[in-house]
Amino acid sequence: MNEQGVGFDSGLDVRLRREALAFDYGPEVLGPEVELRRLDEIRRSLRDPECSGPDPVYGIAMDVCRSEDADDLRRRYLLFGVVAYAGGRLGEEPVRSQGHIHSPAPHCGWSTPELFEIWEGRAIVYAQEFAEDEPGKCIAVAAGPGDQVVAPPGWAHCVINADPDRRMVFCALCDRQYGFRYDGVRAHGGLAWFPLLRGGSIKWQANPRYRRSSLQVRGPRSYPELGLDAKVSIYRQYLANPEALQWVSDPVRVASLWPTLEP
């Protein structure tokens, strides 16, 4: 999945448009024009809210799928989104989204989980248990093409482009009735840890508006407890067995796992 249509095989004919944060779709794929996120929209979650940087910061295409799968995905309350991040910097931070928690979905009453898959570039999925003074567990997962990362229900999280020299693309499988809560994160001026670009690598700085916490930085893991196959793309897993991913929009199915599950 890139400008030439090669690279990670996601199972969807989607191509990153040259020199733009937008996508082109194959003849069997449904997808909208991207929604662009401007720098002003995410400033309140940045270490330096007055910083300069690429604008727009990223583009999001929600509800991307093969046309023959659209009805089934709607029935299951599942939604595939594809996101392209700009290269560059936001002050001393890499390009990133603002942190948020998922609002409870009306159809199930849960703050639903989210399943990420990196398609192109290098990413970090950062997540913390709470957006309160005590953030709980704080975990940063460094991921590359084909890697999958789960943000559990109720965790505050964001996605970061770990390589300022290029764009980054990922897919997210989420609940169709998705909504975002920003209040806790914005009240603290961001998440509990800020990623800073230092000498070609990412260094982490604690946000002093939270109580002291520790940060675990690691690579991706597999999720056999959720039935995921780390060697098969998310969309291909959906095609093979749609029921296997139903926990994304119906998290009560694996309710016993969530209290201890980490990204």
Protein backbone atom coordinates (compact mmCIF):
# COMPACT_ATOMS: atom_id res chain seq x y z
CA MET A 1 0.00 0.00 0.00
CA ASN A 2 1.91 3.03 -1.25
CA GLU A 3 2.09 5.38 -4.20
CA GLN A 4 3.08 2.54 -6.53
CA GLY A 5 0.50 0.14 -5.12
CA VAL A 6 3.11 -2.23 -3.67
CA GLY A 7 4.33 -2.94 -0.17
CA PHE A 8 2.24 -4.28 2.68
CA ASP A 9 -0.68 -6.31 1.37
CA SER A 10 -3.66 -5.11 3.42
CA GLY A 11 -6.31 -6.88 1.36
CA LEU A 12 -7.76 -3.53 0.26
CA ASP A 13 -6.89 -1.78 -3.00
CA VAL A 14 -6.08 1.60 -1.47
CA ARG A 15 -3.21 3.82 -2.56
CA LEU A 16 -1.67 6.88 -0.93
CA ARG A 17 -1.93 9.76 -3.36
CA ARG A 18 1.38 11.27 -4.41
CA GLU A 19 2.27 14.44 -2.49
CA ALA A 20 -1.06 14.51 -0.66
CA LEU A 21 -2.65 13.20 2.52
CA ALA A 22 -5.36 11.47 0.49
CA PHE A 23 -6.15 8.10 -1.05
CA ASP A 24 -7.15 6.58 -4.36
CA TYR A 25 -9.37 3.50 -4.32
CA GLY A 26 -9.54 0.50 -6.61
CA PRO A 27 -12.71 -0.29 -8.56
CA GLU A 28 -14.05 -2.69 -5.91
CA VAL A 29 -13.36 -0.41 -2.94
CA LEU A 30 -15.65 2.20 -1.41
CA GLY A 31 -14.03 5.14 0.31
CA PRO A 32 -14.67 8.85 0.88
CA GLU A 33 -12.51 11.87 0.34
CA VAL A 34 -10.35 12.40 3.40
CA GLU A 35 -11.20 14.68 6.29
CA LEU A 36 -8.16 16.85 6.99
CA ARG A 37 -7.09 17.58 10.56
CA ARG A 38 -5.55 21.03 10.92
CA LEU A 39 -2.82 21.96 13.35
CA ASP A 40 -5.14 24.30 15.25
CA GLU A 41 -7.43 21.36 16.06
CA ILE A 42 -4.76 19.45 18.00
CA ARG A 43 -2.75 22.25 19.64
CA ARG A 44 -4.28 21.74 23.08
CA SER A 45 -2.74 18.26 23.29
CA LEU A 46 0.78 19.30 22.24
CA ARG A 47 3.75 20.05 24.47
CA ASP A 48 4.09 23.42 22.72
CA PRO A 49 0.61 24.60 21.71
CA GLU A 50 2.13 27.56 19.86
CA CYS A 51 4.43 25.44 17.68
CA SER A 52 4.60 25.46 13.90
CA GLY A 53 4.47 22.37 11.74
CA PRO A 54 2.80 20.74 8.74
CA ASP A 55 -0.78 21.85 8.21
CA PRO A 56 -2.84 19.78 7.62
CA VAL A 57 -1.29 17.30 10.03
CA TYR A 58 -3.13 14.22 8.80
CA GLY A 59 -5.99 13.03 6.62
CA ILE A 60 -8.63 10.47 7.61
CA ALA A 61 -10.88 8.37 5.37
CA MET A 62 -13.56 6.65 7.44
CA ASP A 63 -15.63 3.68 6.25
CA VAL A 64 -13.29 2.17 3.66
CA CYS A 65 -14.16 -1.33 2.48
CA ARG A 66 -14.89 -3.53 -0.50
CA SER A 67 -18.34 -2.69 -1.84
CA GLU A 68 -19.55 -6.25 -1.29
CA ASP A 69 -18.70 -6.03 2.43
CA ALA A 70 -20.41 -2.72 3.19
CA ASP A 71 -23.76 -4.11 4.36
CA ASP A 72 -22.16 -6.72 6.61
CA LEU A 73 -19.86 -4.17 8.24
CA ARG A 74 -22.79 -1.84 8.92
CA ARG A 75 -24.76 -4.70 10.47
CA ARG A 76 -21.81 -5.52 12.72
CA TYR A 77 -21.21 -1.87 13.69
CA LEU A 78 -17.65 -2.22 12.40
CA LEU A 79 -15.78 0.52 10.56
CA PHE A 80 -12.44 0.51 8.78
CA GLY A 81 -10.63 3.85 8.67
CA VAL A 82 -7.42 4.68 6.80
CA VAL A 83 -5.20 7.53 7.97
CA ALA A 84 -2.21 9.30 6.39
CA TYR A 85 0.16 11.41 8.49
CA ALA A 86 2.42 14.14 7.16
CA GLY A 87 6.15 13.97 7.72
CA GLY A 88 7.86 16.73 9.66
CA ARG A 89 7.68 18.08 13.20
CA LEU A 90 5.26 19.80 15.51
CA GLY A 91 7.80 21.89 17.34
CA GLU A 92 10.00 19.33 19.12
CA GLU A 93 7.41 16.59 18.77
CA PRO A 94 6.87 14.29 15.79
CA VAL A 95 3.63 14.52 13.85
CA ARG A 96 0.89 12.94 15.97
CA SER A 97 -2.80 12.96 16.78
CA GLN A 98 -4.31 14.48 19.87
CA GLY A 99 -5.02 12.06 22.67
CA HIS A 100 -8.57 10.93 23.32
CA ILE A 101 -10.78 8.31 24.93
CA HIS A 102 -13.61 6.69 23.02
CA SER A 103 -17.07 7.80 24.07
CA PRO A 104 -19.48 4.98 24.96
CA ALA A 105 -21.10 3.65 21.79
CA PRO A 106 -24.92 3.98 22.00
CA HIS A 107 -25.59 0.47 20.66
CA CYS A 108 -23.49 -1.31 23.32
CA GLY A 109 -22.79 1.22 26.10
CA TRP A 110 -19.04 0.55 26.04
CA SER A 111 -16.06 2.77 25.42
CA THR A 112 -14.98 0.43 22.64
CA PRO A 113 -11.47 -0.77 21.80
CA GLU A 114 -9.60 0.07 18.60
CA LEU A 115 -7.41 -2.18 16.46
CA PHE A 116 -4.57 -0.47 14.59
CA GLU A 117 -2.48 -1.84 11.74
CA ILE A 118 0.48 0.02 10.27
CA TRP A 119 0.59 0.03 6.48
CA GLU A 120 3.52 2.28 5.63
CA GLY A 121 6.31 4.02 7.56
CA ARG A 122 7.10 3.81 11.27
CA ALA A 123 4.57 4.52 13.99
CA ILE A 124 4.18 4.60 17.75
CA VAL A 125 0.83 3.84 19.35
CA TYR A 126 0.84 5.43 22.80
CA ALA A 127 -1.82 4.52 25.37
CA GLN A 128 -2.47 5.19 29.06
CA GLU A 129 -5.14 3.68 31.30
CA PHE A 130 -6.73 6.93 32.45
CA ALA A 131 -6.89 10.61 31.50
CA GLU A 132 -6.98 11.63 35.17
CA ASP A 133 -4.26 12.91 37.50
CA GLU A 134 -3.12 9.31 37.98
CA PRO A 135 -2.64 7.97 34.42
CA GLY A 136 -2.09 4.34 35.42
CA LYS A 137 -0.12 2.18 33.02
CA CYS A 138 1.57 4.10 30.20
CA ILE A 139 2.72 2.10 27.18
CA ALA A 140 4.31 3.17 23.87
CA VAL A 141 4.36 0.52 21.14
CA ALA A 142 6.77 1.05 18.22
CA ALA A 143 5.31 -0.56 15.09
CA GLY A 144 6.01 -0.95 11.37
CA PRO A 145 4.19 -2.27 8.30
CA GLY A 146 1.93 -5.19 9.15
CA ASP A 147 2.14 -4.75 12.93
CA GLN A 148 -1.12 -4.69 14.88
CA VAL A 149 -1.79 -2.83 18.14
CA VAL A 150 -4.91 -2.83 20.31
CA ALA A 151 -6.03 0.15 22.41
CA PRO A 152 -8.26 -1.39 25.13
CA PRO A 153 -11.63 0.09 26.13
CA GLY A 154 -11.39 3.29 28.13
CA TRP A 155 -7.67 3.89 27.53
CA ALA A 156 -6.55 7.31 26.34
CA HIS A 157 -4.38 6.96 23.25
CA CYS A 158 -2.79 8.63 20.25
CA VAL A 159 -0.81 7.60 17.16
CA ILE A 160 2.58 9.11 16.32
CA ASN A 161 4.60 9.25 13.10
CA ALA A 162 7.99 8.05 14.33
CA ASP A 163 9.87 9.10 11.17
CA PRO A 164 9.83 12.86 10.48
CA ASP A 165 11.33 12.33 7.02
CA ARG A 166 8.32 10.59 5.49
CA ARG A 167 4.59 10.13 5.60
CA MET A 168 3.02 7.30 7.61
CA VAL A 169 -0.16 5.34 6.87
CA PHE A 170 -2.22 3.10 9.10
CA CYS A 171 -5.60 1.40 9.24
CA ALA A 172 -7.91 1.36 12.26
CA LEU A 173 -10.82 -0.98 12.89
CA CYS A 174 -13.26 0.65 15.28
CA ASP A 175 -16.90 0.84 16.29
CA ARG A 176 -19.19 2.46 13.73
CA GLN A 177 -20.76 4.69 16.40
CA TYR A 178 -17.37 6.04 17.39
CA GLY A 179 -17.03 9.27 19.32
CA PHE A 180 -14.15 10.97 21.12
CA ARG A 181 -13.73 12.47 24.57
CA TYR A 182 -10.94 15.03 24.81
CA ASP A 183 -11.77 16.73 28.11
CA GLY A 184 -9.45 14.79 30.41
CA VAL A 185 -6.47 14.99 28.07
CA ARG A 186 -6.95 18.68 27.32
CA ALA A 187 -7.36 19.49 31.02
CA HIS A 188 -3.84 18.13 31.51
CA GLY A 189 -2.37 19.82 28.44
CA GLY A 190 -1.88 16.49 26.69
CA LEU A 191 -1.19 12.89 27.57
CA ALA A 192 1.09 11.81 30.42
CA TRP A 193 4.19 11.49 28.19
CA PHE A 194 5.38 13.66 25.31
CA PRO A 195 7.47 12.17 22.45
CA LEU A 196 10.38 14.44 21.58
CA LEU A 197 12.66 14.21 18.55
CA ARG A 198 16.26 14.09 19.73
CA GLY A 199 19.16 13.26 17.41
CA GLY A 200 17.16 11.09 15.05
CA SER A 201 15.34 9.15 17.76
CA ILE A 202 12.38 9.60 20.09
CA LYS A 203 12.94 10.54 23.72
CA TRP A 204 10.07 10.73 26.17
CA GLN A 205 9.34 13.54 28.59
CA ALA A 206 6.82 13.27 31.42
CA ASN A 207 3.94 15.73 31.47
CA PRO A 208 4.19 17.46 34.88
CA ARG A 209 0.42 17.98 35.05
CA TYR A 210 0.00 14.29 35.89
CA ARG A 211 1.21 12.45 38.95
CA ARG A 212 4.48 10.66 38.50
CA SER A 213 4.25 7.59 36.25
CA SER A 214 6.57 5.17 34.47
CA LEU A 215 6.55 4.52 30.74
CA GLN A 216 7.00 1.13 29.09
CA VAL A 217 8.43 1.42 25.56
CA ARG A 218 8.39 -1.78 23.53
CA GLY A 219 7.63 -3.40 20.21
CA PRO A 220 4.33 -4.93 19.11
CA ARG A 221 3.02 -8.17 20.55
CA SER A 222 0.57 -10.79 19.34
CA TYR A 223 -2.94 -11.04 20.76
CA PRO A 224 -3.86 -14.74 20.79
CA GLU A 225 -6.33 -14.03 23.60
CA LEU A 226 -8.33 -11.91 21.12
CA GLY A 227 -8.02 -14.44 18.31
CA LEU A 228 -5.80 -12.20 16.17
CA ASP A 229 -3.27 -13.61 13.71
CA ALA A 230 -0.25 -11.30 13.58
CA LYS A 231 0.76 -12.72 10.18
CA VAL A 232 -2.54 -11.89 8.44
CA SER A 233 -3.84 -8.38 7.74
CA ILE A 234 -6.88 -7.19 9.67
CA TYR A 235 -9.05 -6.96 6.58
CA ARG A 236 -8.11 -10.46 5.45
CA GLN A 237 -8.95 -11.76 8.92
CA TYR A 238 -12.33 -10.08 8.63
CA LEU A 239 -12.91 -11.70 5.24
CA ALA A 240 -11.94 -15.14 6.54
CA ASN A 241 -14.08 -14.94 9.68
CA PRO A 242 -16.02 -11.71 10.35
CA GLU A 243 -17.22 -13.02 13.69
CA ALA A 244 -13.64 -13.24 14.98
CA LEU A 245 -13.32 -9.42 15.06
CA GLN A 246 -16.75 -8.74 16.52
CA TRP A 247 -15.19 -7.91 19.92
CA VAL A 248 -14.22 -4.51 18.48
CA SER A 249 -17.85 -3.35 18.43
CA ASP A 250 -19.13 -5.84 21.03
CA PRO A 251 -16.43 -5.80 23.71
CA VAL A 252 -18.64 -7.56 26.25
CA ARG A 253 -17.85 -10.78 24.36
CA VAL A 254 -14.38 -10.76 25.93
CA ALA A 255 -15.25 -8.72 29.03
CA SER A 256 -13.09 -10.90 31.28
CA LEU A 257 -9.96 -9.96 29.30
CA TRP A 258 -10.17 -6.17 29.41
CA PRO A 259 -9.20 -5.55 33.09
CA THR A 260 -5.70 -6.95 32.48
CA LEU A 261 -5.21 -6.59 28.71
CA GLU A 262 -2.44 -4.20 27.65
CA PRO A 263 -1.65 -2.77 24.20
